Amino acid sequence: MLDVAAVARRLGVGPRTVLVYHNRAKVYRREHGIAPGSPQVPGVLPEPDAVLGTRPCWYPSTIEEYIANRPGAGTGGGRPWGTRGD
C-alpha cells in the first residue's frame, strides 16, 4: 500500500498536494453522484483502496493507472503559446 507521502513521490508533488487532490476528488465524486467503487475518472485521484486510521492508502497499481490516464502538461485551456494578453 502507498501512503500519501509515497503517492506524492510518484507524482512528483508534495504530500499536502496529494491531500488537496484527495479532498477535491471526494468533492467531485459527491457533486457528480459517482458511487463508491465506480471506475476511475481520468484526471481525478481515485478513491483510496484502504483507510488506515484516518490516512488514505492506495495500491501501487491504482496510482499507476491514475498516472497513465492523467492529463498531461498543457491540457485544460489557458492562453495559446506565442500569444500575448495585451
N, C-alpha and C. Protein backbone atom coordinates (compact mmCIF):
# COMPACT_ATOMS: atom_id res chain seq x y z
N MET A 1 0.84 -1.18 0.00
CA MET A 1 0.00 0.00 0.00
C MET A 1 0.88 1.25 0.00
N LEU A 2 0.41 2.26 -0.68
CA LEU A 2 1.12 3.54 -0.73
C LEU A 2 0.39 4.56 0.12
N ASP A 3 1.12 5.19 1.02
CA ASP A 3 0.51 6.27 1.80
C ASP A 3 0.64 7.57 1.02
N VAL A 4 0.17 8.65 1.61
CA VAL A 4 0.19 9.95 0.94
C VAL A 4 1.60 10.34 0.51
N ALA A 5 2.58 10.13 1.38
CA ALA A 5 3.96 10.50 1.05
C ALA A 5 4.47 9.71 -0.15
N ALA A 6 4.17 8.42 -0.21
CA ALA A 6 4.62 7.59 -1.33
C ALA A 6 3.93 8.00 -2.63
N VAL A 7 2.65 8.31 -2.56
CA VAL A 7 1.93 8.78 -3.75
C VAL A 7 2.55 10.10 -4.22
N ALA A 8 2.85 10.97 -3.28
CA ALA A 8 3.46 12.27 -3.62
C ALA A 8 4.77 12.07 -4.37
N ARG A 9 5.60 11.15 -3.89
CA ARG A 9 6.87 10.89 -4.57
C ARG A 9 6.64 10.40 -6.00
N ARG A 10 5.68 9.53 -6.18
CA ARG A 10 5.41 9.01 -7.53
C ARG A 10 4.88 10.09 -8.46
N LEU A 11 4.12 11.05 -7.90
CA LEU A 11 3.56 12.11 -8.73
C LEU A 11 4.50 13.29 -8.90
N GLY A 12 5.54 13.34 -8.07
CA GLY A 12 6.48 14.45 -8.13
C GLY A 12 5.92 15.73 -7.51
N VAL A 13 5.08 15.56 -6.49
CA VAL A 13 4.49 16.69 -5.78
C VAL A 13 4.69 16.49 -4.29
N GLY A 14 4.28 17.44 -3.49
CA GLY A 14 4.37 17.32 -2.05
C GLY A 14 3.18 16.57 -1.46
N PRO A 15 3.34 16.03 -0.25
CA PRO A 15 2.24 15.32 0.40
C PRO A 15 0.98 16.18 0.58
N ARG A 16 1.14 17.45 0.88
CA ARG A 16 -0.04 18.31 1.04
C ARG A 16 -0.80 18.43 -0.27
N THR A 17 -0.08 18.42 -1.39
CA THR A 17 -0.74 18.48 -2.70
C THR A 17 -1.58 17.24 -2.92
N VAL A 18 -1.07 16.07 -2.53
CA VAL A 18 -1.84 14.83 -2.67
C VAL A 18 -3.11 14.91 -1.82
N LEU A 19 -3.01 15.46 -0.62
CA LEU A 19 -4.21 15.61 0.21
C LEU A 19 -5.21 16.57 -0.42
N VAL A 20 -4.72 17.62 -1.07
CA VAL A 20 -5.61 18.53 -1.80
C VAL A 20 -6.30 17.77 -2.94
N TYR A 21 -5.52 17.00 -3.72
CA TYR A 21 -6.10 16.20 -4.80
C TYR A 21 -7.17 15.25 -4.24
N HIS A 22 -6.86 14.62 -3.12
CA HIS A 22 -7.78 13.66 -2.49
C HIS A 22 -9.08 14.36 -2.08
N ASN A 23 -8.96 15.51 -1.43
CA ASN A 23 -10.16 16.23 -0.99
C ASN A 23 -10.98 16.75 -2.16
N ARG A 24 -10.31 17.25 -3.19
CA ARG A 24 -11.03 17.71 -4.38
C ARG A 24 -11.75 16.54 -5.07
N ALA A 25 -11.10 15.39 -5.10
CA ALA A 25 -11.71 14.21 -5.72
C ALA A 25 -12.95 13.77 -4.95
N LYS A 26 -12.89 13.83 -3.61
CA LYS A 26 -14.07 13.48 -2.81
C LYS A 26 -15.24 14.42 -3.14
N VAL A 27 -14.95 15.71 -3.23
CA VAL A 27 -16.00 16.68 -3.56
C VAL A 27 -16.53 16.42 -4.96
N TYR A 28 -15.65 16.17 -5.92
CA TYR A 28 -16.06 15.90 -7.30
C TYR A 28 -16.99 14.69 -7.37
N ARG A 29 -16.58 13.61 -6.70
CA ARG A 29 -17.41 12.39 -6.73
C ARG A 29 -18.78 12.64 -6.09
N ARG A 30 -18.79 13.39 -4.98
CA ARG A 30 -20.06 13.68 -4.31
C ARG A 30 -20.95 14.56 -5.19
N GLU A 31 -20.39 15.62 -5.77
CA GLU A 31 -21.17 16.55 -6.59
C GLU A 31 -21.68 15.92 -7.88
N HIS A 32 -20.96 14.93 -8.40
CA HIS A 32 -21.36 14.28 -9.64
C HIS A 32 -22.05 12.94 -9.42
N GLY A 33 -22.33 12.61 -8.18
CA GLY A 33 -23.06 11.39 -7.87
C GLY A 33 -22.34 10.12 -8.26
N ILE A 34 -21.02 10.13 -8.16
CA ILE A 34 -20.24 8.94 -8.52
C ILE A 34 -20.19 8.02 -7.31
N ALA A 35 -20.73 6.83 -7.49
CA ALA A 35 -20.83 5.87 -6.39
C ALA A 35 -19.47 5.29 -6.03
N PRO A 36 -19.30 4.93 -4.75
CA PRO A 36 -18.05 4.26 -4.35
C PRO A 36 -17.83 3.00 -5.19
N GLY A 37 -16.61 2.77 -5.57
CA GLY A 37 -16.27 1.59 -6.36
C GLY A 37 -16.47 1.77 -7.85
N SER A 38 -16.91 2.95 -8.28
CA SER A 38 -17.09 3.21 -9.71
C SER A 38 -15.74 3.28 -10.40
N PRO A 39 -15.72 3.10 -11.72
CA PRO A 39 -14.46 3.21 -12.44
C PRO A 39 -13.82 4.59 -12.24
N GLN A 40 -12.52 4.64 -12.42
CA GLN A 40 -11.79 5.89 -12.24
C GLN A 40 -12.22 6.91 -13.28
N VAL A 41 -12.24 8.16 -12.87
CA VAL A 41 -12.49 9.28 -13.76
C VAL A 41 -11.12 9.85 -14.12
N PRO A 42 -10.77 9.94 -15.42
CA PRO A 42 -9.46 10.45 -15.80
C PRO A 42 -9.19 11.83 -15.19
N GLY A 43 -8.02 11.98 -14.60
CA GLY A 43 -7.62 13.25 -14.01
C GLY A 43 -8.09 13.47 -12.58
N VAL A 44 -8.91 12.56 -12.05
CA VAL A 44 -9.40 12.68 -10.68
C VAL A 44 -8.74 11.59 -9.85
N LEU A 45 -8.06 11.97 -8.76
CA LEU A 45 -7.41 10.99 -7.91
C LEU A 45 -8.43 9.94 -7.48
N PRO A 46 -8.13 8.67 -7.67
CA PRO A 46 -9.09 7.62 -7.32
C PRO A 46 -9.33 7.53 -5.81
N GLU A 47 -10.45 6.89 -5.49
CA GLU A 47 -10.74 6.62 -4.09
C GLU A 47 -9.60 5.81 -3.50
N PRO A 48 -9.31 5.99 -2.22
CA PRO A 48 -8.29 5.14 -1.60
C PRO A 48 -8.75 3.68 -1.60
N ASP A 49 -7.81 2.79 -1.72
CA ASP A 49 -8.13 1.37 -1.64
C ASP A 49 -8.33 0.95 -0.19
N ALA A 50 -7.79 1.73 0.73
CA ALA A 50 -7.96 1.47 2.16
C ALA A 50 -7.74 2.78 2.91
N VAL A 51 -8.26 2.82 4.11
CA VAL A 51 -8.01 3.95 5.00
C VAL A 51 -7.48 3.35 6.30
N LEU A 52 -6.26 3.70 6.64
CA LEU A 52 -5.64 3.20 7.85
C LEU A 52 -5.70 4.30 8.90
N GLY A 53 -6.58 4.12 9.88
CA GLY A 53 -6.85 5.20 10.82
C GLY A 53 -7.63 6.26 10.08
N THR A 54 -7.00 7.40 9.86
CA THR A 54 -7.62 8.46 9.06
C THR A 54 -6.85 8.71 7.77
N ARG A 55 -5.84 7.88 7.50
CA ARG A 55 -4.94 8.10 6.36
C ARG A 55 -5.35 7.27 5.15
N PRO A 56 -5.57 7.94 4.00
CA PRO A 56 -5.88 7.19 2.78
C PRO A 56 -4.64 6.47 2.27
N CYS A 57 -4.84 5.29 1.70
CA CYS A 57 -3.76 4.49 1.10
C CYS A 57 -4.26 3.88 -0.20
N TRP A 58 -3.36 3.71 -1.15
CA TRP A 58 -3.70 3.17 -2.45
C TRP A 58 -2.75 2.04 -2.80
N TYR A 59 -3.25 1.10 -3.61
CA TYR A 59 -2.37 0.07 -4.16
C TYR A 59 -1.49 0.73 -5.22
N PRO A 60 -0.27 0.26 -5.40
CA PRO A 60 0.57 0.82 -6.46
C PRO A 60 -0.11 0.78 -7.83
N SER A 61 -0.83 -0.29 -8.12
CA SER A 61 -1.48 -0.40 -9.42
C SER A 61 -2.56 0.67 -9.62
N THR A 62 -3.24 1.05 -8.55
CA THR A 62 -4.25 2.10 -8.64
C THR A 62 -3.61 3.43 -9.03
N ILE A 63 -2.49 3.74 -8.39
CA ILE A 63 -1.81 5.01 -8.68
C ILE A 63 -1.15 4.97 -10.06
N GLU A 64 -0.62 3.82 -10.46
CA GLU A 64 -0.03 3.72 -11.80
C GLU A 64 -1.09 3.94 -12.87
N GLU A 65 -2.30 3.40 -12.66
CA GLU A 65 -3.39 3.63 -13.62
C GLU A 65 -3.77 5.12 -13.65
N TYR A 66 -3.82 5.73 -12.47
CA TYR A 66 -4.12 7.17 -12.39
C TYR A 66 -3.08 7.97 -13.16
N ILE A 67 -1.81 7.67 -12.95
CA ILE A 67 -0.74 8.39 -13.64
C ILE A 67 -0.85 8.21 -15.15
N ALA A 68 -1.14 7.00 -15.59
CA ALA A 68 -1.24 6.71 -17.02
C ALA A 68 -2.39 7.47 -17.68
N ASN A 69 -3.46 7.74 -16.94
CA ASN A 69 -4.63 8.39 -17.50
C ASN A 69 -4.74 9.87 -17.14
N ARG A 70 -3.71 10.39 -16.51
CA ARG A 70 -3.72 11.77 -16.06
C ARG A 70 -3.46 12.70 -17.24
N PRO A 71 -4.20 13.81 -17.33
CA PRO A 71 -3.93 14.74 -18.43
C PRO A 71 -2.50 15.28 -18.33
N GLY A 72 -1.89 15.48 -19.47
CA GLY A 72 -0.51 15.96 -19.50
C GLY A 72 -0.41 17.46 -19.37
N ALA A 73 0.79 17.95 -19.32
CA ALA A 73 1.04 19.38 -19.24
C ALA A 73 0.47 20.07 -20.47
N GLY A 74 -0.13 21.21 -20.26
CA GLY A 74 -0.66 21.98 -21.37
C GLY A 74 -2.11 21.69 -21.71
N THR A 75 -2.74 20.74 -21.03
CA THR A 75 -4.15 20.48 -21.30
C THR A 75 -4.99 21.31 -20.35
N GLY A 76 -6.19 21.58 -20.76
CA GLY A 76 -7.11 22.26 -19.87
C GLY A 76 -7.26 23.75 -20.12
N GLY A 77 -6.81 24.24 -21.24
CA GLY A 77 -7.05 25.64 -21.55
C GLY A 77 -5.86 26.52 -21.31
N GLY A 78 -6.15 27.77 -21.12
CA GLY A 78 -5.09 28.74 -20.98
C GLY A 78 -4.82 29.42 -22.31
N ARG A 79 -3.99 30.41 -22.28
CA ARG A 79 -3.68 31.16 -23.48
C ARG A 79 -2.74 30.35 -24.36
N PRO A 80 -2.98 30.29 -25.68
CA PRO A 80 -2.09 29.54 -26.57
C PRO A 80 -0.67 30.10 -26.54
N TRP A 81 0.30 29.22 -26.74
CA TRP A 81 1.71 29.63 -26.79
C TRP A 81 1.89 30.68 -27.86
N GLY A 82 2.72 31.67 -27.56
CA GLY A 82 3.07 32.68 -28.54
C GLY A 82 2.08 33.82 -28.63
N THR A 83 1.06 33.81 -27.81
CA THR A 83 0.10 34.92 -27.84
C THR A 83 0.33 35.80 -26.62
N ARG A 84 -0.10 37.02 -26.73
CA ARG A 84 0.04 37.94 -25.63
C ARG A 84 -1.33 38.37 -25.15
N GLY A 85 -1.41 38.69 -23.90
CA GLY A 85 -2.69 39.09 -23.31
C GLY A 85 -2.93 40.58 -23.36
N ASP A 86 -2.28 41.31 -24.28
CA ASP A 86 -2.45 42.78 -24.36
C ASP A 86 -3.82 43.14 -24.85
